[in-house]
Amino acid sequence: MRSAGAEPSKLAGAKVVLVYPGPSDGLKNHAEEFAHGKALPDNFDFVIDPDPDYAFTKTSDLQ
């Protein structure tokens, strides 16, 4: 997985959080399938945000 912003964000010392939201049932498996075979840069964290509350997504006002 490559992003145009990956290298500049790393050079700037930024930490990037990639959020994978979805229904609780099977979310971990779906996220693992999504990430399979992809290497994230060192400054990226890949996390899941399960329904029903989508706590991270709502708190961060993401859509």
N, C-alpha and C. Protein backbone atom coordinates (compact mmCIF):
# COMPACT_ATOMS: atom_id res chain seq x y z
N MET A 1 0.85 -1.17 0.00
CA MET A 1 0.00 0.00 0.00
C MET A 1 0.90 1.23 0.00
N ARG A 2 0.72 2.09 -0.97
CA ARG A 2 1.50 3.32 -1.04
C ARG A 2 0.57 4.50 -1.15
N SER A 3 0.97 5.55 -0.54
CA SER A 3 0.20 6.77 -0.59
C SER A 3 1.11 7.90 -1.02
N ALA A 4 0.57 8.83 -1.78
CA ALA A 4 1.37 9.97 -2.21
C ALA A 4 1.86 10.78 -1.01
N GLY A 5 1.11 10.72 0.10
CA GLY A 5 1.47 11.48 1.29
C GLY A 5 2.33 10.72 2.27
N ALA A 6 2.64 9.47 1.99
CA ALA A 6 3.38 8.64 2.94
C ALA A 6 4.79 9.18 3.20
N GLU A 7 5.54 9.43 2.18
CA GLU A 7 6.93 9.88 2.37
C GLU A 7 7.00 11.27 3.00
N PRO A 8 6.25 12.26 2.50
CA PRO A 8 6.31 13.58 3.15
C PRO A 8 5.86 13.54 4.62
N SER A 9 4.86 12.72 4.93
CA SER A 9 4.40 12.66 6.31
C SER A 9 5.48 12.03 7.20
N LYS A 10 6.20 11.07 6.67
CA LYS A 10 7.28 10.43 7.42
C LYS A 10 8.42 11.43 7.65
N LEU A 11 8.77 12.16 6.61
CA LEU A 11 9.85 13.15 6.73
C LEU A 11 9.49 14.25 7.73
N ALA A 12 8.20 14.56 7.81
CA ALA A 12 7.74 15.60 8.73
C ALA A 12 7.60 15.08 10.15
N GLY A 13 7.78 13.78 10.35
CA GLY A 13 7.65 13.21 11.68
C GLY A 13 6.22 12.93 12.09
N ALA A 14 5.32 12.92 11.13
CA ALA A 14 3.90 12.71 11.42
C ALA A 14 3.61 11.23 11.66
N LYS A 15 2.64 10.98 12.52
CA LYS A 15 2.11 9.64 12.77
C LYS A 15 0.75 9.60 12.08
N VAL A 16 0.51 8.59 11.25
CA VAL A 16 -0.73 8.49 10.49
C VAL A 16 -1.51 7.28 10.98
N VAL A 17 -2.81 7.48 11.22
CA VAL A 17 -3.68 6.40 11.67
C VAL A 17 -4.66 6.08 10.54
N LEU A 18 -4.60 4.85 10.05
CA LEU A 18 -5.51 4.38 9.02
C LEU A 18 -6.62 3.61 9.73
N VAL A 19 -7.84 4.15 9.68
CA VAL A 19 -8.97 3.58 10.42
C VAL A 19 -9.85 2.78 9.47
N TYR A 20 -10.14 1.53 9.84
CA TYR A 20 -11.01 0.65 9.07
C TYR A 20 -12.28 0.43 9.87
N PRO A 21 -13.35 1.21 9.59
CA PRO A 21 -14.60 1.06 10.34
C PRO A 21 -15.50 0.01 9.70
N GLY A 22 -16.41 -0.52 10.49
CA GLY A 22 -17.36 -1.47 9.94
C GLY A 22 -18.13 -2.21 11.01
N PRO A 23 -19.11 -3.01 10.60
CA PRO A 23 -19.87 -3.81 11.55
C PRO A 23 -18.95 -4.73 12.34
N SER A 24 -19.26 -4.91 13.61
CA SER A 24 -18.42 -5.71 14.50
C SER A 24 -18.20 -7.14 14.00
N ASP A 25 -19.27 -7.74 13.48
CA ASP A 25 -19.17 -9.12 13.01
C ASP A 25 -18.22 -9.22 11.83
N GLY A 26 -17.11 -9.91 12.04
CA GLY A 26 -16.16 -10.14 10.96
C GLY A 26 -15.25 -8.97 10.63
N LEU A 27 -15.31 -7.90 11.41
CA LEU A 27 -14.53 -6.72 11.07
C LEU A 27 -13.03 -7.01 11.06
N LYS A 28 -12.55 -7.72 12.05
CA LYS A 28 -11.11 -8.03 12.09
C LYS A 28 -10.70 -8.81 10.86
N ASN A 29 -11.49 -9.80 10.46
CA ASN A 29 -11.17 -10.58 9.27
C ASN A 29 -11.19 -9.74 8.01
N HIS A 30 -12.19 -8.85 7.88
CA HIS A 30 -12.28 -7.98 6.71
C HIS A 30 -11.07 -7.04 6.65
N ALA A 31 -10.69 -6.52 7.81
CA ALA A 31 -9.54 -5.61 7.86
C ALA A 31 -8.26 -6.35 7.48
N GLU A 32 -8.11 -7.59 7.97
CA GLU A 32 -6.94 -8.38 7.62
C GLU A 32 -6.90 -8.68 6.12
N GLU A 33 -8.06 -8.98 5.53
CA GLU A 33 -8.13 -9.21 4.08
C GLU A 33 -7.73 -7.96 3.32
N PHE A 34 -8.21 -6.81 3.77
CA PHE A 34 -7.88 -5.53 3.14
C PHE A 34 -6.38 -5.26 3.17
N ALA A 35 -5.76 -5.55 4.30
CA ALA A 35 -4.35 -5.23 4.49
C ALA A 35 -3.41 -6.32 3.98
N HIS A 36 -3.93 -7.48 3.68
CA HIS A 36 -3.09 -8.61 3.27
C HIS A 36 -2.20 -8.26 2.08
N GLY A 37 -0.93 -8.51 2.25
CA GLY A 37 0.02 -8.28 1.17
C GLY A 37 0.41 -6.83 0.97
N LYS A 38 -0.05 -5.97 1.84
CA LYS A 38 0.28 -4.54 1.73
C LYS A 38 1.18 -4.16 2.90
N ALA A 39 2.19 -3.39 2.62
CA ALA A 39 3.10 -2.93 3.66
C ALA A 39 2.86 -1.44 3.90
N LEU A 40 2.53 -1.12 5.14
CA LEU A 40 2.36 0.28 5.49
C LEU A 40 3.70 0.88 5.89
N PRO A 41 3.88 2.15 5.64
CA PRO A 41 5.11 2.81 6.11
C PRO A 41 5.19 2.71 7.64
N ASP A 42 6.39 2.84 8.17
CA ASP A 42 6.61 2.71 9.61
C ASP A 42 5.79 3.69 10.45
N ASN A 43 5.48 4.84 9.89
CA ASN A 43 4.76 5.85 10.67
C ASN A 43 3.24 5.72 10.54
N PHE A 44 2.75 4.62 9.97
CA PHE A 44 1.32 4.37 9.85
C PHE A 44 0.89 3.30 10.86
N ASP A 45 -0.25 3.52 11.50
CA ASP A 45 -0.89 2.51 12.34
C ASP A 45 -2.22 2.16 11.69
N PHE A 46 -2.53 0.89 11.62
CA PHE A 46 -3.78 0.39 11.03
C PHE A 46 -4.65 -0.12 12.17
N VAL A 47 -5.81 0.49 12.36
CA VAL A 47 -6.71 0.13 13.46
C VAL A 47 -8.12 -0.11 12.94
N ILE A 48 -8.90 -0.87 13.71
CA ILE A 48 -10.30 -1.08 13.36
C ILE A 48 -11.18 -0.27 14.29
N ASP A 49 -12.35 0.10 13.81
CA ASP A 49 -13.32 0.88 14.57
C ASP A 49 -14.69 0.22 14.40
N PRO A 50 -15.05 -0.67 15.33
CA PRO A 50 -16.27 -1.47 15.16
C PRO A 50 -17.56 -0.71 15.45
N ASP A 51 -18.60 -1.10 14.72
CA ASP A 51 -19.97 -0.69 14.98
C ASP A 51 -20.39 -1.43 16.24
N PRO A 52 -21.25 -1.02 17.11
CA PRO A 52 -22.29 -0.03 16.83
C PRO A 52 -21.91 1.40 17.15
N ASP A 53 -20.81 1.63 17.84
CA ASP A 53 -20.56 3.01 18.25
C ASP A 53 -19.53 3.77 17.41
N TYR A 54 -18.71 3.09 16.63
CA TYR A 54 -17.70 3.78 15.82
C TYR A 54 -17.03 4.89 16.63
N ALA A 55 -16.57 4.57 17.81
CA ALA A 55 -16.07 5.57 18.76
C ALA A 55 -15.00 6.48 18.15
N PHE A 56 -14.00 5.91 17.51
CA PHE A 56 -12.93 6.74 16.95
C PHE A 56 -13.45 7.62 15.84
N THR A 57 -14.21 7.04 14.93
CA THR A 57 -14.74 7.77 13.79
C THR A 57 -15.61 8.95 14.24
N LYS A 58 -16.50 8.70 15.19
CA LYS A 58 -17.38 9.77 15.67
C LYS A 58 -16.62 10.83 16.47
N THR A 59 -15.72 10.39 17.34
CA THR A 59 -14.95 11.33 18.14
C THR A 59 -14.10 12.24 17.27
N SER A 60 -13.57 11.69 16.18
CA SER A 60 -12.72 12.45 15.29
C SER A 60 -13.50 13.19 14.21
N ASP A 61 -14.82 13.06 14.24
CA ASP A 61 -15.72 13.69 13.27
C ASP A 61 -15.36 13.30 11.83
N LEU A 62 -15.06 12.01 11.64
CA LEU A 62 -14.74 11.48 10.31
C LEU A 62 -16.01 10.96 9.65
N GLN A 63 -15.99 10.88 8.33
CA GLN A 63 -17.15 10.35 7.61
C GLN A 63 -16.72 9.34 6.59
